[in-house]
Amino acid sequence: MSSQLKVTNLHNAAVERLSLEMAKHLQAAVGRDVRDKLASGEIKIVNGRYVAVDDSLKVKRASVFGAQPKKTQHKVC
């Protein structure tokens, strides 16, 4: 049983390492994107906050109410 435990721990370590590596790459990409947008004037920093000239910083989200499946009612006999 200890060998299964070791495999599970190695699997968790590999997943954690992959997650950290992906987060590092994502943070670097976001940093480049923000730097490019600051250089182009698309966004600027006002009082320590990023302010967009247009709606480029707004996140488009799906409707909360439209994304939920409809509830079905079951009749009890």
PDB file of N, CA and C in Angstrom:
ATOM      1  N   MET A   1       0.822  -1.193   0.000  1.00  0.00           N
ATOM      2  CA  MET A   1       0.000   0.000   0.000  1.00  0.00           C
ATOM      3  C   MET A   1       0.867   1.259   0.000  1.00  0.00           C
ATOM      4  N   SER A   2       2.043   1.160   0.591  1.00  0.00           N
ATOM      5  CA  SER A   2       2.885   2.349   0.638  1.00  0.00           C
ATOM      6  C   SER A   2       3.339   2.773  -0.757  1.00  0.00           C
ATOM      7  N   SER A   3       3.495   1.807  -1.678  1.00  0.00           N
ATOM      8  CA  SER A   3       3.896   2.176  -3.035  1.00  0.00           C
ATOM      9  C   SER A   3       2.802   2.982  -3.724  1.00  0.00           C
ATOM     10  N   GLN A   4       1.528   2.639  -3.480  1.00  0.00           N
ATOM     11  CA  GLN A   4       0.431   3.421  -4.042  1.00  0.00           C
ATOM     12  C   GLN A   4       0.431   4.823  -3.460  1.00  0.00           C
ATOM     13  N   LEU A   5       0.726   4.916  -2.192  1.00  0.00           N
ATOM     14  CA  LEU A   5       0.777   6.223  -1.543  1.00  0.00           C
ATOM     15  C   LEU A   5       1.891   7.072  -2.146  1.00  0.00           C
ATOM     16  N   LYS A   6       3.037   6.459  -2.428  1.00  0.00           N
ATOM     17  CA  LYS A   6       4.136   7.198  -3.036  1.00  0.00           C
ATOM     18  C   LYS A   6       3.755   7.685  -4.433  1.00  0.00           C
ATOM     19  N   VAL A   7       3.090   6.838  -5.202  1.00  0.00           N
ATOM     20  CA  VAL A   7       2.664   7.234  -6.544  1.00  0.00           C
ATOM     21  C   VAL A   7       1.689   8.393  -6.461  1.00  0.00           C
ATOM     22  N   THR A   8       0.748   8.307  -5.521  1.00  0.00           N
ATOM     23  CA  THR A   8      -0.222   9.390  -5.347  1.00  0.00           C
ATOM     24  C   THR A   8       0.489  10.682  -4.975  1.00  0.00           C
ATOM     25  N   ASN A   9       1.464  10.600  -4.075  1.00  0.00           N
ATOM     26  CA  ASN A   9       2.189  11.804  -3.674  1.00  0.00           C
ATOM     27  C   ASN A   9       3.010  12.359  -4.823  1.00  0.00           C
ATOM     28  N   LEU A  10       3.633  11.482  -5.619  1.00  0.00           N
ATOM     29  CA  LEU A  10       4.386  11.962  -6.773  1.00  0.00           C
ATOM     30  C   LEU A  10       3.454  12.600  -7.788  1.00  0.00           C
ATOM     31  N   HIS A  11       2.268  12.004  -7.968  1.00  0.00           N
ATOM     32  CA  HIS A  11       1.291  12.568  -8.901  1.00  0.00           C
ATOM     33  C   HIS A  11       0.869  13.953  -8.429  1.00  0.00           C
ATOM     34  N   ASN A  12       0.574  14.089  -7.143  1.00  0.00           N
ATOM     35  CA  ASN A  12       0.180  15.392  -6.613  1.00  0.00           C
ATOM     36  C   ASN A  12       1.305  16.410  -6.757  1.00  0.00           C
ATOM     37  N   ALA A  13       2.534  15.973  -6.556  1.00  0.00           N
ATOM     38  CA  ALA A  13       3.669  16.885  -6.700  1.00  0.00           C
ATOM     39  C   ALA A  13       3.826  17.322  -8.149  1.00  0.00           C
ATOM     40  N   ALA A  14       3.626  16.399  -9.091  1.00  0.00           N
ATOM     41  CA  ALA A  14       3.746  16.745 -10.510  1.00  0.00           C
ATOM     42  C   ALA A  14       2.650  17.712 -10.926  1.00  0.00           C
ATOM     43  N   VAL A  15       1.441  17.477 -10.446  1.00  0.00           N
ATOM     44  CA  VAL A  15       0.329  18.371 -10.767  1.00  0.00           C
ATOM     45  C   VAL A  15       0.577  19.748 -10.170  1.00  0.00           C
ATOM     46  N   GLU A  16       1.050  19.788  -8.949  1.00  0.00           N
ATOM     47  CA  GLU A  16       1.330  21.070  -8.293  1.00  0.00           C
ATOM     48  C   GLU A  16       2.439  21.824  -9.030  1.00  0.00           C
ATOM     49  N   ARG A  17       3.482  21.109  -9.441  1.00  0.00           N
ATOM     50  CA  ARG A  17       4.582  21.739 -10.170  1.00  0.00           C
ATOM     51  C   ARG A  17       4.098  22.284 -11.510  1.00  0.00           C
ATOM     52  N   LEU A  18       3.268  21.510 -12.208  1.00  0.00           N
ATOM     53  CA  LEU A  18       2.716  21.956 -13.484  1.00  0.00           C
ATOM     54  C   LEU A  18       1.830  23.180 -13.292  1.00  0.00           C
ATOM     55  N   SER A  19       1.040  23.173 -12.234  1.00  0.00           N
ATOM     56  CA  SER A  19       0.167  24.310 -11.942  1.00  0.00           C
ATOM     57  C   SER A  19       0.986  25.569 -11.668  1.00  0.00           C
ATOM     58  N   LEU A  20       2.044  25.442 -10.898  1.00  0.00           N
ATOM     59  CA  LEU A  20       2.898  26.596 -10.603  1.00  0.00           C
ATOM     60  C   LEU A  20       3.610  27.096 -11.855  1.00  0.00           C
ATOM     61  N   GLU A  21       4.052  26.163 -12.702  1.00  0.00           N
ATOM     62  CA  GLU A  21       4.728  26.546 -13.946  1.00  0.00           C
ATOM     63  C   GLU A  21       3.773  27.293 -14.879  1.00  0.00           C
ATOM     64  N   MET A  22       2.539  26.804 -14.980  1.00  0.00           N
ATOM     65  CA  MET A  22       1.550  27.470 -15.826  1.00  0.00           C
ATOM     66  C   MET A  22       1.203  28.848 -15.275  1.00  0.00           C
ATOM     67  N   ALA A  23       1.098  28.962 -13.958  1.00  0.00           N
ATOM     68  CA  ALA A  23       0.804  30.257 -13.344  1.00  0.00           C
ATOM     69  C   ALA A  23       1.929  31.246 -13.611  1.00  0.00           C
ATOM     70  N   LYS A  24       3.166  30.763 -13.587  1.00  0.00           N
ATOM     71  CA  LYS A  24       4.313  31.634 -13.862  1.00  0.00           C
ATOM     72  C   LYS A  24       4.269  32.148 -15.297  1.00  0.00           C
ATOM     73  N   HIS A  25       3.951  31.258 -16.248  1.00  0.00           N
ATOM     74  CA  HIS A  25       3.858  31.667 -17.651  1.00  0.00           C
ATOM     75  C   HIS A  25       2.698  32.633 -17.870  1.00  0.00           C
ATOM     76  N   LEU A  26       1.579  32.379 -17.207  1.00  0.00           N
ATOM     77  CA  LEU A  26       0.420  33.257 -17.337  1.00  0.00           C
ATOM     78  C   LEU A  26       0.721  34.643 -16.784  1.00  0.00           C
ATOM     79  N   GLN A  27       1.383  34.699 -15.634  1.00  0.00           N
ATOM     80  CA  GLN A  27       1.729  35.988 -15.043  1.00  0.00           C
ATOM     81  C   GLN A  27       2.688  36.760 -15.945  1.00  0.00           C
ATOM     82  N   ALA A  28       3.630  36.077 -16.562  1.00  0.00           N
ATOM     83  CA  ALA A  28       4.562  36.741 -17.476  1.00  0.00           C
ATOM     84  C   ALA A  28       3.833  37.278 -18.700  1.00  0.00           C
ATOM     85  N   ALA A  29       2.882  36.502 -19.230  1.00  0.00           N
ATOM     86  CA  ALA A  29       2.119  36.947 -20.404  1.00  0.00           C
ATOM     87  C   ALA A  29       1.259  38.155 -20.069  1.00  0.00           C
ATOM     88  N   VAL A  30       0.645  38.145 -18.907  1.00  0.00           N
ATOM     89  CA  VAL A  30      -0.180  39.285 -18.492  1.00  0.00           C
ATOM     90  C   VAL A  30       0.693  40.517 -18.290  1.00  0.00           C
ATOM     91  N   GLY A  31       1.872  40.341 -17.728  1.00  0.00           N
ATOM     92  CA  GLY A  31       2.790  41.462 -17.548  1.00  0.00           C
ATOM     93  C   GLY A  31       3.195  42.085 -18.872  1.00  0.00           C
ATOM     94  N   ARG A  32       3.476  41.231 -19.870  1.00  0.00           N
ATOM     95  CA  ARG A  32       3.814  41.755 -21.200  1.00  0.00           C
ATOM     96  C   ARG A  32       2.630  42.494 -21.813  1.00  0.00           C
ATOM     97  N   ASP A  33       1.433  41.942 -21.646  1.00  0.00           N
ATOM     98  CA  ASP A  33       0.234  42.563 -22.210  1.00  0.00           C
ATOM     99  C   ASP A  33      -0.022  43.930 -21.577  1.00  0.00           C
ATOM    100  N   VAL A  34       0.105  44.018 -20.263  1.00  0.00           N
ATOM    101  CA  VAL A  34      -0.103  45.297 -19.573  1.00  0.00           C
ATOM    102  C   VAL A  34       0.963  46.299 -19.989  1.00  0.00           C
ATOM    103  N   ARG A  35       2.213  45.851 -20.087  1.00  0.00           N
ATOM    104  CA  ARG A  35       3.296  46.748 -20.500  1.00  0.00           C
ATOM    105  C   ARG A  35       3.046  47.291 -21.904  1.00  0.00           C
ATOM    106  N   ASP A  36       2.599  46.423 -22.813  1.00  0.00           N
ATOM    107  CA  ASP A  36       2.312  46.858 -24.183  1.00  0.00           C
ATOM    108  C   ASP A  36       1.139  47.828 -24.228  1.00  0.00           C
ATOM    109  N   LYS A  37       0.110  47.566 -23.432  1.00  0.00           N
ATOM    110  CA  LYS A  37      -1.053  48.459 -23.411  1.00  0.00           C
ATOM    111  C   LYS A  37      -0.704  49.811 -22.791  1.00  0.00           C
ATOM    112  N   LEU A  38       0.164  49.816 -21.784  1.00  0.00           N
ATOM    113  CA  LEU A  38       0.618  51.088 -21.213  1.00  0.00           C
ATOM    114  C   LEU A  38       1.423  51.873 -22.237  1.00  0.00           C
ATOM    115  N   ALA A  39       2.280  51.185 -22.977  1.00  0.00           N
ATOM    116  CA  ALA A  39       3.111  51.855 -23.977  1.00  0.00           C
ATOM    117  C   ALA A  39       2.273  52.414 -25.119  1.00  0.00           C
ATOM    118  N   SER A  40       1.204  51.715 -25.495  1.00  0.00           N
ATOM    119  CA  SER A  40       0.376  52.176 -26.612  1.00  0.00           C
ATOM    120  C   SER A  40      -0.647  53.225 -26.188  1.00  0.00           C
ATOM    121  N   GLY A  41      -0.826  53.403 -24.882  1.00  0.00           N
ATOM    122  CA  GLY A  41      -1.801  54.379 -24.408  1.00  0.00           C
ATOM    123  C   GLY A  41      -3.203  53.820 -24.278  1.00  0.00           C
ATOM    124  N   GLU A  42      -3.336  52.518 -24.463  1.00  0.00           N
ATOM    125  CA  GLU A  42      -4.648  51.885 -24.339  1.00  0.00           C
ATOM    126  C   GLU A  42      -5.152  51.941 -22.899  1.00  0.00           C
ATOM    127  N   ILE A  43      -4.212  51.823 -21.942  1.00  0.00           N
ATOM    128  CA  ILE A  43      -4.546  51.965 -20.532  1.00  0.00           C
ATOM    129  C   ILE A  43      -3.548  52.910 -19.892  1.00  0.00           C
ATOM    130  N   LYS A  44      -3.912  53.442 -18.737  1.00  0.00           N
ATOM    131  CA  LYS A  44      -2.996  54.293 -17.979  1.00  0.00           C
ATOM    132  C   LYS A  44      -3.220  54.043 -16.498  1.00  0.00           C
ATOM    133  N   ILE A  45      -2.297  54.504 -15.680  1.00  0.00           N
ATOM    134  CA  ILE A  45      -2.399  54.319 -14.239  1.00  0.00           C
ATOM    135  C   ILE A  45      -2.791  55.649 -13.615  1.00  0.00           C
ATOM    136  N   VAL A  46      -3.909  55.645 -12.893  1.00  0.00           N
ATOM    137  CA  VAL A  46      -4.393  56.834 -12.196  1.00  0.00           C
ATOM    138  C   VAL A  46      -4.615  56.444 -10.742  1.00  0.00           C
ATOM    139  N   ASN A  47      -3.933  57.122  -9.831  1.00  0.00           N
ATOM    140  CA  ASN A  47      -4.033  56.837  -8.394  1.00  0.00           C
ATOM    141  C   ASN A  47      -3.776  55.360  -8.082  1.00  0.00           C
ATOM    142  N   GLY A  48      -2.808  54.773  -8.755  1.00  0.00           N
ATOM    143  CA  GLY A  48      -2.439  53.388  -8.498  1.00  0.00           C
ATOM    144  C   GLY A  48      -3.366  52.350  -9.094  1.00  0.00           C
ATOM    145  N   ARG A  49      -4.308  52.768  -9.932  1.00  0.00           N
ATOM    146  CA  ARG A  49      -5.242  51.834 -10.565  1.00  0.00           C
ATOM    147  C   ARG A  49      -5.120  51.917 -12.075  1.00  0.00           C
ATOM    148  N   TYR A  50      -5.366  50.786 -12.719  1.00  0.00           N
ATOM    149  CA  TYR A  50      -5.379  50.775 -14.177  1.00  0.00           C
ATOM    150  C   TYR A  50      -6.703  51.342 -14.660  1.00  0.00           C
ATOM    151  N   VAL A  51      -6.627  52.306 -15.572  1.00  0.00           N
ATOM    152  CA  VAL A  51      -7.816  52.928 -16.145  1.00  0.00           C
ATOM    153  C   VAL A  51      -7.729  52.759 -17.654  1.00  0.00           C
ATOM    154  N   ALA A  52      -8.806  52.232 -18.241  1.00  0.00           N
ATOM    155  CA  ALA A  52      -8.824  52.003 -19.683  1.00  0.00           C
ATOM    156  C   ALA A  52      -9.383  53.217 -20.397  1.00  0.00           C
ATOM    157  N   VAL A  53      -8.817  53.515 -21.549  1.00  0.00           N
ATOM    158  CA  VAL A  53      -9.328  54.595 -22.383  1.00  0.00           C
ATOM    159  C   VAL A  53     -10.666  54.166 -22.979  1.00  0.00           C
ATOM    160  N   ASP A  54     -10.772  52.889 -23.338  1.00  0.00           N
ATOM    161  CA  ASP A  54     -12.025  52.346 -23.867  1.00  0.00           C
ATOM    162  C   ASP A  54     -12.492  51.222 -22.934  1.00  0.00           C
ATOM    163  N   ASP A  55     -13.271  50.304 -23.413  1.00  0.00           N
ATOM    164  CA  ASP A  55     -13.781  49.209 -22.591  1.00  0.00           C
ATOM    165  C   ASP A  55     -12.879  47.977 -22.627  1.00  0.00           C
ATOM    166  N   SER A  56     -11.601  48.148 -22.863  1.00  0.00           N
ATOM    167  CA  SER A  56     -10.714  46.997 -23.032  1.00  0.00           C
ATOM    168  C   SER A  56     -10.462  46.240 -21.732  1.00  0.00           C
ATOM    169  N   LEU A  57     -10.669  46.865 -20.575  1.00  0.00           N
ATOM    170  CA  LEU A  57     -10.440  46.170 -19.315  1.00  0.00           C
ATOM    171  C   LEU A  57     -11.698  45.501 -18.769  1.00  0.00           C
ATOM    172  N   LYS A  58     -12.831  45.715 -19.393  1.00  0.00           N
ATOM    173  CA  LYS A  58     -14.062  45.099 -18.912  1.00  0.00           C
ATOM    174  C   LYS A  58     -14.088  43.628 -19.304  1.00  0.00           C
ATOM    175  N   VAL A  59     -14.567  42.822 -18.386  1.00  0.00           N
ATOM    176  CA  VAL A  59     -14.658  41.388 -18.621  1.00  0.00           C
ATOM    177  C   VAL A  59     -16.070  41.067 -19.071  1.00  0.00           C
ATOM    178  N   LYS A  60     -16.161  40.340 -20.163  1.00  0.00           N
ATOM    179  CA  LYS A  60     -17.471  39.933 -20.663  1.00  0.00           C
ATOM    180  C   LYS A  60     -17.830  38.606 -20.026  1.00  0.00           C
ATOM    181  N   ARG A  61     -18.882  38.604 -19.251  1.00  0.00           N
ATOM    182  CA  ARG A  61     -19.313  37.393 -18.557  1.00  0.00           C
ATOM    183  C   ARG A  61     -20.678  36.968 -19.058  1.00  0.00           C
ATOM    184  N   ALA A  62     -20.912  35.686 -18.991  1.00  0.00           N
ATOM    185  CA  ALA A  62     -22.220  35.159 -19.356  1.00  0.00           C
ATOM    186  C   ALA A  62     -23.220  35.528 -18.269  1.00  0.00           C
ATOM    187  N   SER A  63     -24.459  35.609 -18.638  1.00  0.00           N
ATOM    188  CA  SER A  63     -25.504  35.926 -17.687  1.00  0.00           C
ATOM    189  C   SER A  63     -25.592  34.835 -16.627  1.00  0.00           C
ATOM    190  N   VAL A  64     -25.729  35.253 -15.390  1.00  0.00           N
ATOM    191  CA  VAL A  64     -25.830  34.297 -14.296  1.00  0.00           C
ATOM    192  C   VAL A  64     -27.134  33.516 -14.409  1.00  0.00           C
ATOM    193  N   PHE A  65     -28.185  34.194 -14.792  1.00  0.00           N
ATOM    194  CA  PHE A  65     -29.488  33.546 -14.847  1.00  0.00           C
ATOM    195  C   PHE A  65     -29.628  32.665 -16.084  1.00  0.00           C
ATOM    196  N   GLY A  66     -28.994  33.013 -17.164  1.00  0.00           N
ATOM    197  CA  GLY A  66     -29.105  32.231 -18.385  1.00  0.00           C
ATOM    198  C   GLY A  66     -28.254  30.981 -18.370  1.00  0.00           C
ATOM    199  N   ALA A  67     -27.241  30.931 -17.509  1.00  0.00           N
ATOM    200  CA  ALA A  67     -26.318  29.804 -17.509  1.00  0.00           C
ATOM    201  C   ALA A  67     -26.819  28.633 -16.675  1.00  0.00           C
ATOM    202  N   GLN A  68     -27.799  28.858 -15.812  1.00  0.00           N
ATOM    203  CA  GLN A  68     -28.277  27.794 -14.941  1.00  0.00           C
ATOM    204  C   GLN A  68     -29.299  26.925 -15.663  1.00  0.00           C
ATOM    205  N   PRO A  69     -29.206  25.619 -15.488  1.00  0.00           N
ATOM    206  CA  PRO A  69     -30.212  24.748 -16.109  1.00  0.00           C
ATOM    207  C   PRO A  69     -31.555  24.912 -15.413  1.00  0.00           C
ATOM    208  N   LYS A  70     -32.598  24.711 -16.171  1.00  0.00           N
ATOM    209  CA  LYS A  70     -33.939  24.838 -15.604  1.00  0.00           C
ATOM    210  C   LYS A  70     -34.223  23.652 -14.700  1.00  0.00           C
ATOM    211  N   LYS A  71     -34.919  23.938 -13.610  1.00  0.00           N
ATOM    212  CA  LYS A  71     -35.275  22.882 -12.673  1.00  0.00           C
ATOM    213  C   LYS A  71     -36.520  22.167 -13.183  1.00  0.00           C
ATOM    214  N   THR A  72     -36.483  20.868 -13.089  1.00  0.00           N
ATOM    215  CA  THR A  72     -37.659  20.097 -13.483  1.00  0.00           C
ATOM    216  C   THR A  72     -38.433  19.731 -12.234  1.00  0.00           C
ATOM    217  N   GLN A  73     -39.723  19.789 -12.332  1.00  0.00           N
ATOM    218  CA  GLN A  73     -40.557  19.445 -11.192  1.00  0.00           C
ATOM    219  C   GLN A  73     -41.077  18.032 -11.375  1.00  0.00           C
ATOM    220  N   HIS A  74     -40.946  17.250 -10.335  1.00  0.00           N
ATOM    221  CA  HIS A  74     -41.415  15.874 -10.360  1.00  0.00           C
ATOM    222  C   HIS A  74     -42.684  15.779  -9.530  1.00  0.00           C
ATOM    223  N   LYS A  75     -43.687  15.165 -10.087  1.00  0.00           N
ATOM    224  CA  LYS A  75     -44.935  14.977  -9.356  1.00  0.00           C
ATOM    225  C   LYS A  75     -44.812  13.750  -8.467  1.00  0.00           C
ATOM    226  N   VAL A  76     -45.268  13.896  -7.248  1.00  0.00           N
ATOM    227  CA  VAL A  76     -45.260  12.783  -6.307  1.00  0.00           C
ATOM    228  C   VAL A  76     -46.646  12.169  -6.314  1.00  0.00           C
ATOM    229  N   CYS A  77     -46.713  10.886  -6.585  1.00  0.00           N
ATOM    230  CA  CYS A  77     -48.020  10.201  -6.646  1.00  0.00           C
ATOM    231  C   CYS A  77     -48.388   9.591  -5.335  1.00  0.00           C
TER     232      CYS A  77
END
